[in-house]
Amino acid sequence: MTRLVREKIERAGLLPLVEARAGGRVPSGPGLFDELMRVDLLSLGAAADLARRRECGEEVRIYVPAAPPRSDTISVFGKGEPLRGSSFLRKIAALRLTSPFGIRLVIDFGVLGLELGQVALSFGATDLAGPIASRRGLLLVEADERKKLVKRREIAGFVERAGFRPEFVALEAAETSSDRERGSAAAREHVES
């Protein structure tokens, strides 16, 4: 952690929380999450990014064609998410700092947008999920969804520019939370494009 980042985190009162996580303790307490939702956004983001990098490394999994199912170790944000913009980033950062170690925070860029997903990676999110266009340009979603599709190299570029290493993960249709009717061949084609 650079001196500037440390000072910013310390001024916001987040240093004890960051040090607790570094020492293997998950901070908790009544009102902690709500308190974090009111902290300076950049300080909160810096603390969450530090925790994310320590606990989860530099790898960003990109789930294709949709998010994995929710579990005790995976939280997915997309459909039904009421928050957007800076409020959403605060939520992701606060969750990173108060959730169990190594939890995967997956952003569905097909719903929330790739730009918000990219920024969320620096606020504690670990992974992205959504549909992508195949190498041959064949679209595997409805016509209205075409404008949301990007290619594999574009998504990889977003992840790399955020300072992380992309890893594409193809999910079988039975494993996805929102694309149950798609076949596994389609999922593999997305990843191989």
C-alpha atoms as a PDB file:
ATOM      1  CA  MET A   1       0.000   0.000   0.000  1.00  0.00           C
ATOM      2  CA  THR A   2       1.414   3.344  -0.969  1.00  0.00           C
ATOM      3  CA  ARG A   3       1.795   6.113   1.591  1.00  0.00           C
ATOM      4  CA  LEU A   4      -0.901   8.199  -0.131  1.00  0.00           C
ATOM      5  CA  VAL A   5      -3.416   5.325  -0.080  1.00  0.00           C
ATOM      6  CA  ARG A   6      -2.583   4.524   3.546  1.00  0.00           C
ATOM      7  CA  GLU A   7      -3.117   8.174   4.562  1.00  0.00           C
ATOM      8  CA  LYS A   8      -6.444   8.342   2.713  1.00  0.00           C
ATOM      9  CA  ILE A   9      -7.662   5.118   4.348  1.00  0.00           C
ATOM     10  CA  GLU A  10      -6.418   6.277   7.758  1.00  0.00           C
ATOM     11  CA  ARG A  11      -8.106   9.712   7.502  1.00  0.00           C
ATOM     12  CA  ALA A  12     -11.412   7.986   6.747  1.00  0.00           C
ATOM     13  CA  GLY A  13     -11.034   5.819   9.863  1.00  0.00           C
ATOM     14  CA  LEU A  14     -10.769   2.612   7.827  1.00  0.00           C
ATOM     15  CA  LEU A  15      -7.233   1.560   8.746  1.00  0.00           C
ATOM     16  CA  PRO A  16      -8.271  -0.577  11.768  1.00  0.00           C
ATOM     17  CA  LEU A  17     -10.789  -2.383   9.564  1.00  0.00           C
ATOM     18  CA  VAL A  18      -8.185  -3.018   6.817  1.00  0.00           C
ATOM     19  CA  GLU A  19      -5.639  -4.208   9.390  1.00  0.00           C
ATOM     20  CA  ALA A  20      -8.216  -6.521  10.999  1.00  0.00           C
ATOM     21  CA  ARG A  21      -8.876  -8.193   7.635  1.00  0.00           C
ATOM     22  CA  ALA A  22      -5.131  -8.436   6.954  1.00  0.00           C
ATOM     23  CA  GLY A  23      -4.824 -10.142  10.343  1.00  0.00           C
ATOM     24  CA  GLY A  24      -7.474 -12.722   9.466  1.00  0.00           C
ATOM     25  CA  ARG A  25     -10.464 -11.156  11.239  1.00  0.00           C
ATOM     26  CA  VAL A  26     -13.687 -10.165   9.463  1.00  0.00           C
ATOM     27  CA  PRO A  27     -14.880  -6.899  11.006  1.00  0.00           C
ATOM     28  CA  SER A  28     -18.443  -6.925  12.258  1.00  0.00           C
ATOM     29  CA  GLY A  29     -20.694  -5.051  14.568  1.00  0.00           C
ATOM     30  CA  PRO A  30     -24.055  -3.379  14.664  1.00  0.00           C
ATOM     31  CA  GLY A  31     -24.298  -0.658  12.089  1.00  0.00           C
ATOM     32  CA  LEU A  32     -20.869  -1.264  10.515  1.00  0.00           C
ATOM     33  CA  PHE A  33     -22.265  -1.756   7.004  1.00  0.00           C
ATOM     34  CA  ASP A  34     -24.434   1.373   7.280  1.00  0.00           C
ATOM     35  CA  GLU A  35     -21.463   3.331   8.627  1.00  0.00           C
ATOM     36  CA  LEU A  36     -19.346   2.234   5.662  1.00  0.00           C
ATOM     37  CA  MET A  37     -22.078   3.424   3.293  1.00  0.00           C
ATOM     38  CA  ARG A  38     -21.404   6.976   4.560  1.00  0.00           C
ATOM     39  CA  VAL A  39     -17.574   6.958   4.374  1.00  0.00           C
ATOM     40  CA  ASP A  40     -15.695   8.956   1.724  1.00  0.00           C
ATOM     41  CA  LEU A  41     -16.194   6.986  -1.497  1.00  0.00           C
ATOM     42  CA  LEU A  42     -12.580   6.994  -2.689  1.00  0.00           C
ATOM     43  CA  SER A  43     -11.240   5.959   0.712  1.00  0.00           C
ATOM     44  CA  LEU A  44     -13.808   3.179   0.934  1.00  0.00           C
ATOM     45  CA  GLY A  45     -12.930   2.031  -2.579  1.00  0.00           C
ATOM     46  CA  ALA A  46      -9.208   2.029  -1.807  1.00  0.00           C
ATOM     47  CA  ALA A  47      -9.731  -0.063   1.329  1.00  0.00           C
ATOM     48  CA  ALA A  48     -11.996  -2.522  -0.506  1.00  0.00           C
ATOM     49  CA  ASP A  49      -9.583  -2.799  -3.435  1.00  0.00           C
ATOM     50  CA  LEU A  50      -6.733  -3.547  -1.055  1.00  0.00           C
ATOM     51  CA  ALA A  51      -8.768  -6.266   0.675  1.00  0.00           C
ATOM     52  CA  ARG A  52      -9.889  -7.738  -2.674  1.00  0.00           C
ATOM     53  CA  ARG A  53      -6.351  -7.946  -4.036  1.00  0.00           C
ATOM     54  CA  ARG A  54      -5.009  -9.533  -0.825  1.00  0.00           C
ATOM     55  CA  GLU A  55      -7.811 -12.075  -0.540  1.00  0.00           C
ATOM     56  CA  CYS A  56      -8.660 -12.888  -4.165  1.00  0.00           C
ATOM     57  CA  GLY A  57      -5.590 -11.949  -6.202  1.00  0.00           C
ATOM     58  CA  GLU A  58      -5.390 -10.279  -9.602  1.00  0.00           C
ATOM     59  CA  GLU A  59      -7.602 -12.720 -11.503  1.00  0.00           C
ATOM     60  CA  VAL A  60     -11.060 -11.680 -12.722  1.00  0.00           C
ATOM     61  CA  ARG A  61     -13.293 -14.532 -13.825  1.00  0.00           C
ATOM     62  CA  ILE A  62     -15.574 -13.627 -16.703  1.00  0.00           C
ATOM     63  CA  TYR A  63     -18.553 -15.990 -16.695  1.00  0.00           C
ATOM     64  CA  VAL A  64     -20.092 -16.597 -20.113  1.00  0.00           C
ATOM     65  CA  PRO A  65     -22.909 -16.478 -21.161  1.00  0.00           C
ATOM     66  CA  ALA A  66     -24.407 -15.601 -17.761  1.00  0.00           C
ATOM     67  CA  ALA A  67     -23.647 -15.382 -14.062  1.00  0.00           C
ATOM     68  CA  PRO A  68     -23.050 -18.501 -11.974  1.00  0.00           C
ATOM     69  CA  PRO A  69     -25.689 -19.476  -9.425  1.00  0.00           C
ATOM     70  CA  ARG A  70     -25.613 -17.650  -6.097  1.00  0.00           C
ATOM     71  CA  SER A  71     -24.139 -19.569  -3.173  1.00  0.00           C
ATOM     72  CA  ASP A  72     -22.445 -19.015   0.182  1.00  0.00           C
ATOM     73  CA  THR A  73     -19.255 -18.070  -1.679  1.00  0.00           C
ATOM     74  CA  ILE A  74     -20.760 -16.227  -4.687  1.00  0.00           C
ATOM     75  CA  SER A  75     -22.922 -13.092  -4.667  1.00  0.00           C
ATOM     76  CA  VAL A  76     -24.324 -11.941  -8.007  1.00  0.00           C
ATOM     77  CA  PHE A  77     -25.432  -8.376  -8.742  1.00  0.00           C
ATOM     78  CA  GLY A  78     -27.608  -7.662 -11.761  1.00  0.00           C
ATOM     79  CA  LYS A  79     -31.317  -8.125 -12.253  1.00  0.00           C
ATOM     80  CA  GLY A  80     -33.222  -6.660  -9.351  1.00  0.00           C
ATOM     81  CA  GLU A  81     -30.307  -4.547  -8.119  1.00  0.00           C
ATOM     82  CA  PRO A  82     -31.886  -1.242  -7.009  1.00  0.00           C
ATOM     83  CA  LEU A  83     -28.646   0.749  -6.672  1.00  0.00           C
ATOM     84  CA  ARG A  84     -26.657   2.306  -9.496  1.00  0.00           C
ATOM     85  CA  GLY A  85     -23.616   4.550  -9.810  1.00  0.00           C
ATOM     86  CA  SER A  86     -21.751   5.625  -6.687  1.00  0.00           C
ATOM     87  CA  SER A  87     -24.354   4.062  -4.355  1.00  0.00           C
ATOM     88  CA  PHE A  88     -23.770   0.705  -6.010  1.00  0.00           C
ATOM     89  CA  LEU A  89     -19.983   1.098  -5.732  1.00  0.00           C
ATOM     90  CA  ARG A  90     -20.358   1.909  -2.012  1.00  0.00           C
ATOM     91  CA  LYS A  91     -22.409  -1.243  -1.537  1.00  0.00           C
ATOM     92  CA  ILE A  92     -19.822  -3.437  -3.289  1.00  0.00           C
ATOM     93  CA  ALA A  93     -16.955  -1.907  -1.267  1.00  0.00           C
ATOM     94  CA  ALA A  94     -18.839  -2.246   2.038  1.00  0.00           C
ATOM     95  CA  LEU A  95     -19.652  -5.878   1.231  1.00  0.00           C
ATOM     96  CA  ARG A  96     -16.001  -6.607   0.405  1.00  0.00           C
ATOM     97  CA  LEU A  97     -14.940  -5.241   3.795  1.00  0.00           C
ATOM     98  CA  THR A  98     -17.650  -6.976   5.866  1.00  0.00           C
ATOM     99  CA  SER A  99     -18.159 -10.299   4.040  1.00  0.00           C
ATOM    100  CA  PRO A 100     -16.295 -13.572   4.586  1.00  0.00           C
ATOM    101  CA  PHE A 101     -12.788 -13.827   3.122  1.00  0.00           C
ATOM    102  CA  GLY A 102     -12.578 -14.672  -0.557  1.00  0.00           C
ATOM    103  CA  ILE A 103     -16.265 -14.239  -1.370  1.00  0.00           C
ATOM    104  CA  ARG A 104     -16.798 -13.775  -5.110  1.00  0.00           C
ATOM    105  CA  LEU A 105     -18.739 -10.583  -5.935  1.00  0.00           C
ATOM    106  CA  VAL A 106     -19.969 -11.036  -9.520  1.00  0.00           C
ATOM    107  CA  ILE A 107     -21.243  -8.100 -11.593  1.00  0.00           C
ATOM    108  CA  ASP A 108     -23.666  -8.976 -14.420  1.00  0.00           C
ATOM    109  CA  PHE A 109     -22.516  -6.485 -17.053  1.00  0.00           C
ATOM    110  CA  GLY A 110     -25.358  -7.533 -19.351  1.00  0.00           C
ATOM    111  CA  VAL A 111     -27.727  -5.878 -16.861  1.00  0.00           C
ATOM    112  CA  LEU A 112     -25.649  -3.218 -15.080  1.00  0.00           C
ATOM    113  CA  GLY A 113     -23.308  -2.249 -17.915  1.00  0.00           C
ATOM    114  CA  LEU A 114     -19.675  -3.014 -18.641  1.00  0.00           C
ATOM    115  CA  GLU A 115     -18.412   0.393 -17.520  1.00  0.00           C
ATOM    116  CA  LEU A 116     -19.952   0.067 -14.038  1.00  0.00           C
ATOM    117  CA  GLY A 117     -18.630  -3.497 -13.880  1.00  0.00           C
ATOM    118  CA  GLN A 118     -15.118  -2.298 -14.720  1.00  0.00           C
ATOM    119  CA  VAL A 119     -15.161   0.366 -12.009  1.00  0.00           C
ATOM    120  CA  ALA A 120     -16.679  -2.077  -9.494  1.00  0.00           C
ATOM    121  CA  LEU A 121     -13.571  -4.264  -9.908  1.00  0.00           C
ATOM    122  CA  SER A 122     -11.590  -1.494  -8.199  1.00  0.00           C
ATOM    123  CA  PHE A 123     -14.178  -1.270  -5.419  1.00  0.00           C
ATOM    124  CA  GLY A 124     -13.946  -4.909  -4.352  1.00  0.00           C
ATOM    125  CA  ALA A 125     -15.860  -6.863  -7.015  1.00  0.00           C
ATOM    126  CA  THR A 126     -14.068  -9.984  -8.212  1.00  0.00           C
ATOM    127  CA  ASP A 127     -15.820 -11.154 -11.361  1.00  0.00           C
ATOM    128  CA  LEU A 128     -17.945 -10.182 -14.360  1.00  0.00           C
ATOM    129  CA  ALA A 129     -20.676 -12.134 -16.138  1.00  0.00           C
ATOM    130  CA  GLY A 130     -22.755 -11.720 -19.254  1.00  0.00           C
ATOM    131  CA  PRO A 131     -23.262 -12.571 -22.899  1.00  0.00           C
ATOM    132  CA  ILE A 132     -20.595 -11.881 -25.505  1.00  0.00           C
ATOM    133  CA  ALA A 133     -20.549 -12.060 -29.297  1.00  0.00           C
ATOM    134  CA  SER A 134     -18.801 -15.004 -30.887  1.00  0.00           C
ATOM    135  CA  ARG A 135     -15.739 -14.597 -33.096  1.00  0.00           C
ATOM    136  CA  ARG A 136     -17.852 -15.079 -36.205  1.00  0.00           C
ATOM    137  CA  GLY A 137     -20.270 -12.386 -35.131  1.00  0.00           C
ATOM    138  CA  LEU A 138     -23.106 -14.836 -34.562  1.00  0.00           C
ATOM    139  CA  LEU A 139     -25.345 -13.440 -31.891  1.00  0.00           C
ATOM    140  CA  LEU A 140     -26.744 -15.924 -29.437  1.00  0.00           C
ATOM    141  CA  VAL A 141     -29.318 -13.624 -27.863  1.00  0.00           C
ATOM    142  CA  GLU A 142     -32.492 -11.876 -28.932  1.00  0.00           C
ATOM    143  CA  ALA A 143     -32.280  -8.944 -31.368  1.00  0.00           C
ATOM    144  CA  ASP A 144     -33.018  -6.331 -28.655  1.00  0.00           C
ATOM    145  CA  GLU A 145     -30.020  -7.556 -26.685  1.00  0.00           C
ATOM    146  CA  ARG A 146     -27.505  -7.095 -29.545  1.00  0.00           C
ATOM    147  CA  LYS A 147     -26.467  -3.625 -28.461  1.00  0.00           C
ATOM    148  CA  LYS A 148     -25.278  -5.047 -25.112  1.00  0.00           C
ATOM    149  CA  LEU A 149     -22.935  -7.595 -26.674  1.00  0.00           C
ATOM    150  CA  VAL A 150     -19.208  -7.082 -26.784  1.00  0.00           C
ATOM    151  CA  LYS A 151     -16.455  -9.358 -27.958  1.00  0.00           C
ATOM    152  CA  ARG A 152     -14.098 -11.336 -25.777  1.00  0.00           C
ATOM    153  CA  ARG A 153     -11.091  -9.104 -26.517  1.00  0.00           C
ATOM    154  CA  GLU A 154     -13.096  -5.982 -25.596  1.00  0.00           C
ATOM    155  CA  ILE A 155     -14.053  -7.429 -22.216  1.00  0.00           C
ATOM    156  CA  ALA A 156     -10.487  -8.604 -21.628  1.00  0.00           C
ATOM    157  CA  GLY A 157      -9.326  -5.041 -22.392  1.00  0.00           C
ATOM    158  CA  PHE A 158     -11.733  -3.572 -19.829  1.00  0.00           C
ATOM    159  CA  VAL A 159     -10.416  -5.974 -17.188  1.00  0.00           C
ATOM    160  CA  GLU A 160      -6.755  -5.354 -18.052  1.00  0.00           C
ATOM    161  CA  ARG A 161      -7.201  -1.560 -18.006  1.00  0.00           C
ATOM    162  CA  ALA A 162      -8.656  -1.940 -14.496  1.00  0.00           C
ATOM    163  CA  GLY A 163      -5.357  -3.605 -13.510  1.00  0.00           C
ATOM    164  CA  PHE A 164      -6.487  -7.237 -13.394  1.00  0.00           C
ATOM    165  CA  ARG A 165      -5.940 -10.464 -15.335  1.00  0.00           C
ATOM    166  CA  PRO A 166      -9.015 -11.838 -17.190  1.00  0.00           C
ATOM    167  CA  GLU A 167      -9.941 -15.524 -17.156  1.00  0.00           C
ATOM    168  CA  PHE A 168     -12.955 -16.648 -19.167  1.00  0.00           C
ATOM    169  CA  VAL A 169     -15.190 -19.329 -17.675  1.00  0.00           C
ATOM    170  CA  ALA A 170     -17.846 -21.100 -19.755  1.00  0.00           C
ATOM    171  CA  LEU A 171     -20.833 -22.259 -17.773  1.00  0.00           C
ATOM    172  CA  GLU A 172     -23.018 -25.133 -18.824  1.00  0.00           C
ATOM    173  CA  ALA A 173     -26.636 -24.109 -19.358  1.00  0.00           C
ATOM    174  CA  ALA A 174     -27.714 -25.970 -16.222  1.00  0.00           C
ATOM    175  CA  GLU A 175     -25.208 -23.993 -14.136  1.00  0.00           C
ATOM    176  CA  THR A 176     -26.262 -20.485 -15.138  1.00  0.00           C
ATOM    177  CA  SER A 177     -28.770 -18.462 -13.197  1.00  0.00           C
ATOM    178  CA  SER A 178     -30.566 -16.819 -16.124  1.00  0.00           C
ATOM    179  CA  ASP A 179     -29.874 -18.708 -19.364  1.00  0.00           C
ATOM    180  CA  ARG A 180     -31.174 -22.196 -18.588  1.00  0.00           C
ATOM    181  CA  GLU A 181     -32.465 -22.799 -22.112  1.00  0.00           C
ATOM    182  CA  ARG A 182     -29.110 -22.217 -23.871  1.00  0.00           C
ATOM    183  CA  GLY A 183     -27.007 -25.231 -24.764  1.00  0.00           C
ATOM    184  CA  SER A 184     -23.497 -25.959 -23.512  1.00  0.00           C
ATOM    185  CA  ALA A 185     -22.086 -25.740 -27.035  1.00  0.00           C
ATOM    186  CA  ALA A 186     -23.206 -22.122 -27.230  1.00  0.00           C
ATOM    187  CA  ALA A 187     -21.511 -21.350 -23.931  1.00  0.00           C
ATOM    188  CA  ARG A 188     -18.256 -22.949 -25.069  1.00  0.00           C
ATOM    189  CA  GLU A 189     -18.411 -21.081 -28.380  1.00  0.00           C
ATOM    190  CA  HIS A 190     -18.596 -17.778 -26.469  1.00  0.00           C
ATOM    191  CA  VAL A 191     -15.474 -18.545 -24.473  1.00  0.00           C
ATOM    192  CA  GLU A 192     -13.521 -19.850 -27.435  1.00  0.00           C
ATOM    193  CA  SER A 193     -14.259 -16.764 -29.567  1.00  0.00           C
END
